[in-house]
């Protein structure tokens, strides 16, 4: 998402809003029982290219490890902290 800060955000949050959705699973938990090659294949089928030096790097950034970004952004928008401008879609993840 691309957001633009709103005037009220300065007083409410010192002009700061979340920069990501936040994790719902630890890096350790998301790695358990998953095959990195299979997960990479699934992501590529959805048009998301992932490159990482390690198997763990791929698994740690799986979409299910994070909160629903649309729900998080809606809360920020409804709270008047930022206004939604555009929704972006990831095309590539580089994990170093």
C-alpha atoms as a PDB file:
ATOM      1  CA  UNK A   1       0.000   0.000   0.000  1.00  0.00           C
ATOM      2  CA  UNK A   2       0.988   3.613  -0.586  1.00  0.00           C
ATOM      3  CA  UNK A   3      -0.391   5.907   2.101  1.00  0.00           C
ATOM      4  CA  UNK A   4      -0.257   9.636   2.702  1.00  0.00           C
ATOM      5  CA  UNK A   5      -0.107  10.910   6.259  1.00  0.00           C
ATOM      6  CA  UNK A   6      -2.979  12.968   7.592  1.00  0.00           C
ATOM      7  CA  UNK A   7      -2.748  16.116   9.753  1.00  0.00           C
ATOM      8  CA  UNK A   8      -4.160  14.389  12.852  1.00  0.00           C
ATOM      9  CA  UNK A   9      -1.391  11.796  12.791  1.00  0.00           C
ATOM     10  CA  UNK A  10       1.174  14.311  14.008  1.00  0.00           C
ATOM     11  CA  UNK A  11      -0.658  14.839  17.283  1.00  0.00           C
ATOM     12  CA  UNK A  12      -1.839  11.238  17.720  1.00  0.00           C
ATOM     13  CA  UNK A  13       1.302   9.318  16.727  1.00  0.00           C
ATOM     14  CA  UNK A  14       4.037  11.935  16.244  1.00  0.00           C
ATOM     15  CA  UNK A  15       3.569  11.569  12.489  1.00  0.00           C
ATOM     16  CA  UNK A  16       4.291   7.856  12.448  1.00  0.00           C
ATOM     17  CA  UNK A  17       2.207   4.936  11.215  1.00  0.00           C
ATOM     18  CA  UNK A  18       2.970   1.238  10.887  1.00  0.00           C
ATOM     19  CA  UNK A  19       5.336   0.365   8.063  1.00  0.00           C
ATOM     20  CA  UNK A  20       4.162  -3.211   7.695  1.00  0.00           C
ATOM     21  CA  UNK A  21       1.475  -5.646   8.673  1.00  0.00           C
ATOM     22  CA  UNK A  22       3.392  -7.378  11.467  1.00  0.00           C
ATOM     23  CA  UNK A  23       3.954 -11.053  12.093  1.00  0.00           C
ATOM     24  CA  UNK A  24       1.384 -13.557  13.326  1.00  0.00           C
ATOM     25  CA  UNK A  25       3.948 -16.384  13.365  1.00  0.00           C
ATOM     26  CA  UNK A  26       7.516 -16.358  14.605  1.00  0.00           C
ATOM     27  CA  UNK A  27      10.268 -17.123  12.126  1.00  0.00           C
ATOM     28  CA  UNK A  28      10.807 -20.447  13.900  1.00  0.00           C
ATOM     29  CA  UNK A  29       7.130 -21.419  13.794  1.00  0.00           C
ATOM     30  CA  UNK A  30       6.678 -20.644  10.103  1.00  0.00           C
ATOM     31  CA  UNK A  31       9.637 -22.865   9.168  1.00  0.00           C
ATOM     32  CA  UNK A  32       8.247 -25.986  10.864  1.00  0.00           C
ATOM     33  CA  UNK A  33       6.894 -28.635   8.530  1.00  0.00           C
ATOM     34  CA  UNK A  34       7.401 -26.606   5.353  1.00  0.00           C
ATOM     35  CA  UNK A  35       9.452 -27.416   2.274  1.00  0.00           C
ATOM     36  CA  UNK A  36      11.211 -24.325   0.901  1.00  0.00           C
ATOM     37  CA  UNK A  37      11.182 -25.520  -2.720  1.00  0.00           C
ATOM     38  CA  UNK A  38       7.459 -26.303  -2.598  1.00  0.00           C
ATOM     39  CA  UNK A  39       6.634 -22.952  -0.989  1.00  0.00           C
ATOM     40  CA  UNK A  40       8.796 -21.126  -3.533  1.00  0.00           C
ATOM     41  CA  UNK A  41       6.945 -22.928  -6.343  1.00  0.00           C
ATOM     42  CA  UNK A  42       3.573 -21.870  -4.895  1.00  0.00           C
ATOM     43  CA  UNK A  43       4.676 -18.243  -4.688  1.00  0.00           C
ATOM     44  CA  UNK A  44       5.952 -18.313  -8.269  1.00  0.00           C
ATOM     45  CA  UNK A  45       2.600 -19.737  -9.421  1.00  0.00           C
ATOM     46  CA  UNK A  46       1.068 -16.578  -7.940  1.00  0.00           C
ATOM     47  CA  UNK A  47       3.518 -14.391  -9.839  1.00  0.00           C
ATOM     48  CA  UNK A  48       5.851 -13.710  -6.887  1.00  0.00           C
ATOM     49  CA  UNK A  49       9.542 -14.313  -7.532  1.00  0.00           C
ATOM     50  CA  UNK A  50      11.558 -15.184  -4.412  1.00  0.00           C
ATOM     51  CA  UNK A  51      15.333 -15.439  -4.192  1.00  0.00           C
ATOM     52  CA  UNK A  52      17.177 -16.190  -0.978  1.00  0.00           C
ATOM     53  CA  UNK A  53      20.571 -17.549  -0.023  1.00  0.00           C
ATOM     54  CA  UNK A  54      18.931 -19.918   2.428  1.00  0.00           C
ATOM     55  CA  UNK A  55      15.935 -22.224   2.732  1.00  0.00           C
ATOM     56  CA  UNK A  56      14.992 -20.480   5.985  1.00  0.00           C
ATOM     57  CA  UNK A  57      14.991 -17.099   4.256  1.00  0.00           C
ATOM     58  CA  UNK A  58      12.258 -18.251   1.887  1.00  0.00           C
ATOM     59  CA  UNK A  59      10.108 -19.769   4.599  1.00  0.00           C
ATOM     60  CA  UNK A  60      10.461 -16.868   7.055  1.00  0.00           C
ATOM     61  CA  UNK A  61       8.803 -14.440   4.649  1.00  0.00           C
ATOM     62  CA  UNK A  62       5.811 -16.536   3.578  1.00  0.00           C
ATOM     63  CA  UNK A  63       2.572 -14.538   3.367  1.00  0.00           C
ATOM     64  CA  UNK A  64       0.891 -16.597   6.105  1.00  0.00           C
ATOM     65  CA  UNK A  65       3.571 -15.423   8.570  1.00  0.00           C
ATOM     66  CA  UNK A  66       2.058 -11.930   8.485  1.00  0.00           C
ATOM     67  CA  UNK A  67      -1.196 -10.237   9.448  1.00  0.00           C
ATOM     68  CA  UNK A  68      -3.624  -9.380   6.671  1.00  0.00           C
ATOM     69  CA  UNK A  69      -2.178  -6.139   5.337  1.00  0.00           C
ATOM     70  CA  UNK A  70      -5.551  -4.956   4.009  1.00  0.00           C
ATOM     71  CA  UNK A  71      -7.061  -5.176   7.503  1.00  0.00           C
ATOM     72  CA  UNK A  72      -4.103  -3.333   9.058  1.00  0.00           C
ATOM     73  CA  UNK A  73      -4.255  -0.559   6.457  1.00  0.00           C
ATOM     74  CA  UNK A  74      -8.013  -0.207   6.905  1.00  0.00           C
ATOM     75  CA  UNK A  75      -7.530   0.413  10.642  1.00  0.00           C
ATOM     76  CA  UNK A  76      -4.897   3.089   9.929  1.00  0.00           C
ATOM     77  CA  UNK A  77      -7.189   4.666   7.312  1.00  0.00           C
ATOM     78  CA  UNK A  78     -10.296   4.608   9.529  1.00  0.00           C
ATOM     79  CA  UNK A  79      -8.321   6.067  12.446  1.00  0.00           C
ATOM     80  CA  UNK A  80      -7.483   9.055  10.247  1.00  0.00           C
ATOM     81  CA  UNK A  81      -3.740   8.527  10.549  1.00  0.00           C
ATOM     82  CA  UNK A  82      -3.185   8.020   6.821  1.00  0.00           C
ATOM     83  CA  UNK A  83      -5.192   8.014   3.619  1.00  0.00           C
ATOM     84  CA  UNK A  84      -5.024   5.137   1.148  1.00  0.00           C
ATOM     85  CA  UNK A  85      -3.532   6.196  -2.182  1.00  0.00           C
ATOM     86  CA  UNK A  86      -2.778   2.971  -4.066  1.00  0.00           C
ATOM     87  CA  UNK A  87      -2.517  -0.752  -3.456  1.00  0.00           C
ATOM     88  CA  UNK A  88       0.660  -2.371  -4.708  1.00  0.00           C
ATOM     89  CA  UNK A  89       1.250  -6.040  -5.441  1.00  0.00           C
ATOM     90  CA  UNK A  90       4.621  -7.644  -4.652  1.00  0.00           C
ATOM     91  CA  UNK A  91       6.440  -8.990  -7.669  1.00  0.00           C
ATOM     92  CA  UNK A  92       9.764  -9.896  -6.123  1.00  0.00           C
ATOM     93  CA  UNK A  93      11.211 -10.607  -2.693  1.00  0.00           C
ATOM     94  CA  UNK A  94      14.939 -10.366  -2.092  1.00  0.00           C
ATOM     95  CA  UNK A  95      16.020 -11.835   1.204  1.00  0.00           C
ATOM     96  CA  UNK A  96      19.690 -11.437   2.109  1.00  0.00           C
END
